Amino acid sequence: MRKLVLAAAATAALAVAAPAAMAHGKRPKEPRQPTTIALPAGVAPEGIAAGRGGEFFVGSLADGQIVRGDVRSGTVAPFVTTPATTVAVGLEYDRRHDLLFVAGGPTGTAAVYDADTGATVASLTLTTAAAFVNDATVTRDAAYFTNSQAAELYRVPIGDDGTIGTPTTLPLTGPAADLPGAFNLNGIETSKDGRWLIAVNSTSGKLFRIDPATGASSEIDLGGASVTAGDGLWREGRLLYVVRNQLNRIDVFRLDRDSSSARYVETITSPLFEVPTTMTIAKHRLLAVNAQFGLPQPNPFEVVVLPVDDDHGRGHGHRHGKGHGHGHAHR
C-alpha cells in the first residue's frame, strides 16, 4: 500500500509539472522516487556495503550469509552461502584489494571474503571475551572493528598485496572509552584525510575522533546536536551520514577539516524506513537496509533506495531543515 501511495503522489506531481514543460518544448523529466529492493527469505539484514559499479552486499544476522545485489537491476542473489561467521553485522568493502570485511557480532570474530568470488580469504578471532563486534572500516593498511561492549577496537593489518595479517587489540582512552550503557560504540568510518577514525556511541549520542595508532580519542563537537540511536556511518567527502535506527532517520553533518567538529546539515527520512541500521551510496543512490528491530514479524526484509543529488551527495528522502535531533538508543 505504501508504494501505491508514493506512486500516486509522483503521478500527480508530474501532471502539474507537464504543462509548463510542454510550453517550452521539453518533455517533462519523471522524478525519481524512493523504492525498495526485496531481500531473499531467511536473510535478516543489518549491514550493507557498496562494491564495484552498482553492486552491493548485505549480511544476515540469522546465519552469517552474504547476498549480492545490483542497484541498477534491483536484483539480489546468494553470494556467500557457507559463511566463516555464524552472524554478519557490519560490512566494509575494500576497493583497493576487492575484499569484503564482515563483523561477527557476539561471536567475537570477523570474516574476510573475496568480493568477486565470495571465497573466504580469512576467518579471524578478534576477542575471546564477551563482545559484540559491530562494524568495520578500512584504511590503506588495516581494517578496524568496533566492539559495542568494550572500550577497544580491533586492528587487522592488510598488506599491499591484500594479505590479511594477525589481529591486534587497540585499547581506547579518552571519552570514547566511556561506556554509558549496555550498547556503546557502533558505526565506524575514516576521516577524509585518513588521519582519524570516527565512531558513534549509540547510547550517549556522541561522535568521537580516534587516533588509529594510539586509541586516544576526543569528542567531535556537534554544536549541541545528539545522535542517540546512532548506528551505521557513511562519509562522502566531508559529509558524514549517521543512521539513527529506531528513529527512522539519517542525520547529515559536515565535518571540519580536522574532524574535530561537525555542523548539522539536514535529516533524511522516508516512509519506507523500518528501523534502518546502515547505509551506503552506489550509482547515485542511497541504499539503507531495514533491519526492522522490534517490529512485528514476519515482514519481508528489504533495502530502501533513495535518489542522491549529483552536486553534493545528499539524499532525496523527506528532508528537514536545520535543527538538532534527539532520540533514544536501541538495544
Protein backbone atom coordinates (compact mmCIF):
# COMPACT_ATOMS: atom_id res chain seq x y z
CA MET A 1 0.00 0.00 0.00
CA ARG A 2 2.78 2.45 0.85
CA LYS A 3 4.33 2.00 -2.61
CA LEU A 4 0.99 2.71 -4.28
CA VAL A 5 0.62 5.93 -2.31
CA LEU A 6 4.07 7.08 -3.38
CA ALA A 7 3.32 6.21 -6.98
CA ALA A 8 0.08 8.18 -6.92
CA ALA A 9 1.83 11.20 -5.45
CA ALA A 10 4.52 11.05 -8.12
CA THR A 11 1.90 10.85 -10.88
CA ALA A 12 0.04 13.88 -9.52
CA ALA A 13 3.24 15.93 -9.29
CA LEU A 14 4.16 15.02 -12.85
CA ALA A 15 0.74 16.06 -14.14
CA VAL A 16 1.11 19.52 -12.61
CA ALA A 17 4.62 19.99 -14.00
CA ALA A 18 3.83 18.77 -17.51
CA PRO A 19 2.07 21.85 -18.97
CA ALA A 20 4.92 24.21 -18.07
CA ALA A 21 7.49 21.86 -19.52
CA MET A 22 5.49 21.34 -22.73
CA ALA A 23 5.22 25.09 -23.20
CA HIS A 24 9.00 25.26 -23.52
CA GLY A 25 9.10 22.33 -25.92
CA LYS A 26 10.69 19.98 -23.39
CA ARG A 27 9.46 16.59 -22.36
CA PRO A 28 8.98 16.60 -18.56
CA LYS A 29 11.51 14.51 -16.68
CA GLU A 30 9.84 11.99 -14.39
CA PRO A 31 11.07 12.48 -10.81
CA ARG A 32 12.90 9.54 -9.27
CA GLN A 33 11.01 8.20 -6.29
CA PRO A 34 12.07 6.15 -3.28
CA THR A 35 11.73 2.44 -3.84
CA THR A 36 12.78 -0.86 -2.28
CA ILE A 37 14.74 -3.97 -3.23
CA ALA A 38 13.45 -7.16 -1.63
CA LEU A 39 15.91 -9.48 0.11
CA PRO A 40 15.73 -13.29 -0.11
CA ALA A 41 13.80 -15.21 2.52
CA GLY A 42 15.96 -16.13 5.51
CA VAL A 43 18.17 -13.04 5.31
CA ALA A 44 17.85 -10.95 8.49
CA PRO A 45 19.83 -7.86 7.45
CA GLU A 46 21.91 -5.39 9.45
CA GLY A 47 24.96 -4.38 7.39
CA ILE A 48 25.32 -3.16 3.80
CA ALA A 49 28.32 -2.19 1.68
CA ALA A 50 28.68 -0.96 -1.91
CA GLY A 51 31.12 -2.77 -4.17
CA ARG A 52 32.13 -2.01 -7.75
CA GLY A 53 29.72 -0.37 -10.15
CA GLY A 54 26.17 -0.75 -8.89
CA GLU A 55 26.73 -3.87 -6.80
CA PHE A 56 26.08 -4.03 -3.08
CA PHE A 57 26.39 -6.65 -0.34
CA VAL A 58 24.05 -7.36 2.58
CA GLY A 59 24.81 -9.66 5.53
CA SER A 60 22.42 -11.73 7.62
CA LEU A 61 22.23 -11.70 11.42
CA ALA A 62 20.49 -15.06 11.30
CA ASP A 63 23.27 -17.21 9.83
CA GLY A 64 26.13 -15.05 8.55
CA GLN A 65 25.32 -15.50 4.86
CA ILE A 66 26.03 -12.67 2.41
CA VAL A 67 23.89 -11.76 -0.59
CA ARG A 68 24.97 -9.59 -3.51
CA GLY A 69 22.64 -7.19 -5.31
CA ASP A 70 22.67 -4.78 -8.22
CA VAL A 71 21.05 -1.40 -7.65
CA ARG A 72 20.57 -0.89 -11.40
CA SER A 73 18.51 -4.04 -11.94
CA GLY A 74 17.08 -4.28 -8.44
CA THR A 75 18.06 -7.93 -8.21
CA VAL A 76 19.67 -9.83 -5.32
CA ALA A 77 21.28 -13.29 -5.36
CA PRO A 78 23.13 -15.55 -2.89
CA PHE A 79 26.85 -14.78 -2.64
CA VAL A 80 28.45 -16.34 0.46
CA THR A 81 26.38 -19.41 1.30
CA THR A 82 28.95 -21.12 3.55
CA PRO A 83 29.96 -18.21 5.79
CA ALA A 84 33.03 -18.08 8.02
CA THR A 85 30.98 -16.43 10.79
CA THR A 86 27.57 -17.51 12.04
CA VAL A 87 26.48 -13.87 12.37
CA ALA A 88 27.06 -10.98 9.94
CA VAL A 89 26.69 -7.47 11.33
CA GLY A 90 28.59 -4.51 9.81
CA LEU A 91 30.18 -4.85 6.35
CA GLU A 92 33.01 -2.89 4.73
CA TYR A 93 34.27 -3.12 1.17
CA ASP A 94 37.98 -2.64 0.44
CA ARG A 95 38.09 -1.36 -3.15
CA ARG A 96 41.86 -1.42 -3.31
CA HIS A 97 42.04 -5.20 -2.80
CA ASP A 98 38.46 -6.17 -3.75
CA LEU A 99 37.81 -7.62 -0.29
CA LEU A 100 34.70 -7.68 1.89
CA PHE A 101 35.18 -7.40 5.68
CA VAL A 102 32.37 -8.67 7.93
CA ALA A 103 31.89 -8.09 11.68
CA GLY A 104 30.76 -11.18 13.58
CA GLY A 105 28.74 -9.61 16.41
CA PRO A 106 28.52 -11.76 19.58
CA THR A 107 30.89 -14.40 18.16
CA GLY A 108 33.89 -12.10 18.70
CA THR A 109 35.05 -12.96 15.19
CA ALA A 110 35.31 -11.41 11.75
CA ALA A 111 35.47 -12.73 8.21
CA VAL A 112 37.14 -11.54 5.03
CA TYR A 113 35.78 -12.62 1.65
CA ASP A 114 36.91 -12.23 -1.94
CA ALA A 115 34.36 -9.69 -3.19
CA ASP A 116 34.46 -11.17 -6.69
CA THR A 117 34.04 -14.88 -5.96
CA GLY A 118 32.74 -14.98 -2.36
CA ALA A 119 35.59 -17.29 -1.31
CA THR A 120 36.75 -17.00 2.29
CA VAL A 121 40.08 -15.16 2.48
CA ALA A 122 40.39 -15.14 6.28
CA SER A 123 38.46 -16.22 9.37
CA LEU A 124 39.59 -14.09 12.32
CA THR A 125 39.22 -14.35 16.10
CA LEU A 126 39.24 -10.77 17.40
CA THR A 127 38.48 -11.49 21.05
CA THR A 128 37.55 -14.44 23.24
CA ALA A 129 35.83 -12.26 25.85
CA ALA A 130 32.13 -11.36 25.81
CA ALA A 131 31.74 -8.94 22.92
CA PHE A 132 29.61 -7.55 20.14
CA VAL A 133 31.87 -6.91 17.15
CA ASN A 134 29.64 -4.43 15.39
CA ASP A 135 31.09 -2.57 12.43
CA ALA A 136 34.23 -2.12 10.31
CA THR A 137 36.12 0.46 8.30
CA VAL A 138 39.21 0.17 6.10
CA THR A 139 42.28 2.40 5.81
CA ARG A 140 45.19 1.98 3.39
CA ASP A 141 46.90 -0.60 5.59
CA ALA A 142 44.33 -2.04 8.00
CA ALA A 143 40.72 -2.78 8.85
CA TYR A 144 39.30 -1.60 12.19
CA PHE A 145 36.35 -3.15 14.04
CA THR A 146 34.26 -1.74 16.90
CA ASN A 147 33.18 -3.67 19.97
CA SER A 148 29.93 -2.33 21.39
CA GLN A 149 30.59 -3.94 24.77
CA ALA A 150 34.21 -2.96 25.46
CA ALA A 151 36.43 0.13 25.25
CA GLU A 152 38.57 -1.25 22.45
CA LEU A 153 38.90 -1.56 18.70
CA TYR A 154 40.44 -4.41 16.71
CA ARG A 155 43.05 -3.76 14.04
CA VAL A 156 43.55 -6.22 11.18
CA PRO A 157 46.61 -5.45 9.01
CA ILE A 158 46.21 -5.50 5.22
CA GLY A 159 49.35 -5.95 3.11
CA ASP A 160 49.95 -4.16 -0.17
CA ASP A 161 49.04 -7.39 -1.94
CA GLY A 162 45.86 -7.84 0.10
CA THR A 163 47.37 -10.32 2.56
CA ILE A 164 45.47 -10.34 5.87
CA GLY A 165 47.64 -10.11 9.00
CA THR A 166 47.13 -11.09 12.63
CA PRO A 167 44.50 -9.03 14.53
CA THR A 168 45.57 -6.90 17.48
CA THR A 169 43.53 -5.12 20.16
CA LEU A 170 43.63 -1.30 20.31
CA PRO A 171 42.56 -0.10 23.79
CA LEU A 172 40.72 3.22 23.77
CA THR A 173 41.47 6.20 26.00
CA GLY A 174 39.62 9.47 26.40
CA PRO A 175 35.86 9.96 26.05
CA ALA A 176 35.36 7.14 23.51
CA ALA A 177 36.35 4.73 26.30
CA ASP A 178 33.35 5.77 28.42
CA LEU A 179 30.67 3.06 28.41
CA PRO A 180 27.40 4.71 29.48
CA GLY A 181 25.14 1.79 28.60
CA ALA A 182 24.95 -1.82 27.50
CA PHE A 183 25.37 -0.85 23.86
CA ASN A 184 28.15 1.62 23.07
CA LEU A 185 30.47 2.14 20.10
CA ASN A 186 28.68 1.15 16.92
CA GLY A 187 29.39 2.51 13.41
CA ILE A 188 32.91 3.50 12.38
CA GLU A 189 34.37 5.50 9.49
CA THR A 190 37.59 7.23 8.46
CA SER A 191 38.16 10.97 8.16
CA LYS A 192 38.63 12.45 4.68
CA ASP A 193 42.37 12.95 5.22
CA GLY A 194 42.77 9.42 6.58
CA ARG A 195 44.32 10.60 9.85
CA TRP A 196 41.42 9.66 12.12
CA LEU A 197 38.80 7.06 12.79
CA ILE A 198 35.29 8.35 13.52
CA ALA A 199 32.91 6.31 15.70
CA VAL A 200 29.45 6.82 17.16
CA ASN A 201 28.19 5.77 20.60
CA SER A 202 24.58 4.63 20.27
CA THR A 203 23.72 5.25 23.93
CA SER A 204 25.38 8.62 24.59
CA GLY A 205 24.59 10.02 21.13
CA LYS A 206 28.15 11.29 20.69
CA LEU A 207 30.66 11.09 17.85
CA PHE A 208 34.36 10.58 18.54
CA ARG A 209 37.61 11.16 16.68
CA ILE A 210 40.07 8.32 17.38
CA ASP A 211 43.79 8.08 16.66
CA PRO A 212 44.22 4.73 14.81
CA ALA A 213 47.78 4.39 16.11
CA THR A 214 47.22 5.00 19.84
CA GLY A 215 43.48 4.69 20.53
CA ALA A 216 43.41 8.20 22.05
CA SER A 217 40.07 9.90 21.43
CA SER A 218 38.27 13.22 21.62
CA GLU A 219 34.60 14.11 21.28
CA ILE A 220 33.55 15.71 18.00
CA ASP A 221 31.73 18.98 18.70
CA LEU A 222 28.26 18.73 17.11
CA GLY A 223 27.15 22.17 18.24
CA GLY A 224 24.64 20.74 20.69
CA ALA A 225 23.22 18.07 18.41
CA SER A 226 22.76 14.50 19.59
CA VAL A 227 22.90 11.29 17.56
CA THR A 228 21.42 8.80 20.03
CA ALA A 229 20.41 5.55 18.35
CA GLY A 230 23.34 6.19 16.00
CA ASP A 231 24.18 3.06 14.07
CA GLY A 232 25.99 2.85 10.72
CA LEU A 233 28.14 5.73 9.46
CA TRP A 234 28.90 6.72 5.88
CA ARG A 235 31.27 9.50 4.81
CA GLU A 236 31.11 11.19 1.41
CA GLY A 237 33.89 13.77 1.27
CA ARG A 238 33.37 15.79 4.44
CA LEU A 239 29.68 14.90 4.70
CA LEU A 240 29.05 12.35 7.43
CA TYR A 241 25.79 10.39 7.35
CA VAL A 242 24.65 8.98 10.71
CA VAL A 243 21.91 6.33 10.53
CA ARG A 244 19.66 6.56 13.61
CA ASN A 245 17.90 3.23 13.53
CA GLN A 246 14.91 3.35 15.91
CA LEU A 247 14.20 6.96 14.91
CA ASN A 248 13.88 6.07 11.20
CA ARG A 249 16.16 8.88 10.09
CA ILE A 250 19.61 9.66 8.75
CA ASP A 251 21.26 12.83 10.06
CA VAL A 252 23.85 14.52 7.86
CA PHE A 253 26.76 16.59 9.23
CA ARG A 254 29.61 18.45 7.56
CA LEU A 255 32.92 17.75 9.25
CA ASP A 256 35.52 20.50 9.56
CA ARG A 257 38.98 19.93 8.08
CA ASP A 258 40.46 18.18 11.10
CA SER A 259 37.25 16.34 12.05
CA SER A 260 37.20 17.97 15.49
CA SER A 261 33.74 19.46 14.95
CA ALA A 262 30.81 18.98 12.62
CA ARG A 263 27.88 21.18 11.53
CA TYR A 264 24.39 19.72 11.24
CA VAL A 265 23.16 19.91 7.64
CA GLU A 266 19.87 18.04 7.34
CA THR A 267 17.82 14.97 8.22
CA ILE A 268 16.78 12.39 5.63
CA THR A 269 13.64 10.37 6.29
CA SER A 270 11.37 8.16 4.24
CA PRO A 271 8.00 6.46 4.84
CA LEU A 272 9.77 3.30 3.65
CA PHE A 273 12.20 3.24 6.58
CA GLU A 274 11.62 0.36 9.01
CA VAL A 275 14.44 0.74 11.52
CA PRO A 276 17.31 1.27 9.07
CA THR A 277 20.66 0.28 10.55
CA THR A 278 23.31 1.05 7.94
CA MET A 279 23.63 2.73 4.56
CA THR A 280 25.90 3.15 1.58
CA ILE A 281 25.86 5.02 -1.74
CA ALA A 282 26.07 3.28 -5.13
CA LYS A 283 25.39 4.65 -8.61
CA HIS A 284 23.89 7.89 -7.30
CA ARG A 285 21.56 6.01 -4.99
CA LEU A 286 21.47 5.97 -1.21
CA LEU A 287 20.86 2.41 0.00
CA ALA A 288 19.61 1.91 3.55
CA VAL A 289 18.94 -1.57 4.93
CA ASN A 290 15.78 -2.08 7.01
CA ALA A 291 16.60 -4.29 10.00
CA GLN A 292 13.07 -3.96 11.47
CA PHE A 293 14.28 -4.37 15.08
CA GLY A 294 11.26 -4.63 17.35
CA LEU A 295 8.70 -4.70 14.53
CA PRO A 296 6.13 -7.49 14.10
CA GLN A 297 7.33 -10.47 12.11
CA PRO A 298 7.10 -11.99 9.59
CA ASN A 299 7.60 -8.92 7.45
CA PRO A 300 9.63 -9.05 4.21
CA PHE A 301 13.10 -7.56 4.62
CA GLU A 302 14.27 -5.00 2.07
CA VAL A 303 16.74 -2.30 1.11
CA VAL A 304 15.37 1.24 0.72
CA VAL A 305 16.71 3.08 -2.32
CA LEU A 306 16.70 6.90 -2.37
CA PRO A 307 17.99 9.21 -5.14
CA VAL A 308 21.14 11.22 -4.39
CA ASP A 309 21.94 14.76 -5.53
CA ASP A 310 24.78 14.73 -8.04
CA ASP A 311 26.17 18.08 -6.90
CA HIS A 312 26.68 17.50 -3.18
CA GLY A 313 25.92 13.85 -2.47
CA ARG A 314 22.88 14.30 -0.26
CA GLY A 315 19.82 12.06 -0.39
CA HIS A 316 16.31 12.90 -1.59
CA GLY A 317 14.14 11.44 1.11
CA HIS A 318 11.76 13.61 3.09
CA ARG A 319 14.16 16.26 4.39
CA HIS A 320 14.01 18.59 7.35
CA GLY A 321 15.73 21.93 7.74
CA LYS A 322 18.48 22.81 10.17
CA GLY A 323 17.97 21.80 13.76
CA HIS A 324 19.19 19.26 16.28
CA GLY A 325 17.98 15.68 16.54
CA HIS A 326 17.35 13.94 19.83
CA GLY A 327 16.28 10.38 20.46
CA HIS A 328 16.83 7.18 22.40
CA ALA A 329 19.41 4.49 21.99
CA HIS A 330 18.45 0.99 20.86
CA ARG A 331 19.38 -2.40 22.30
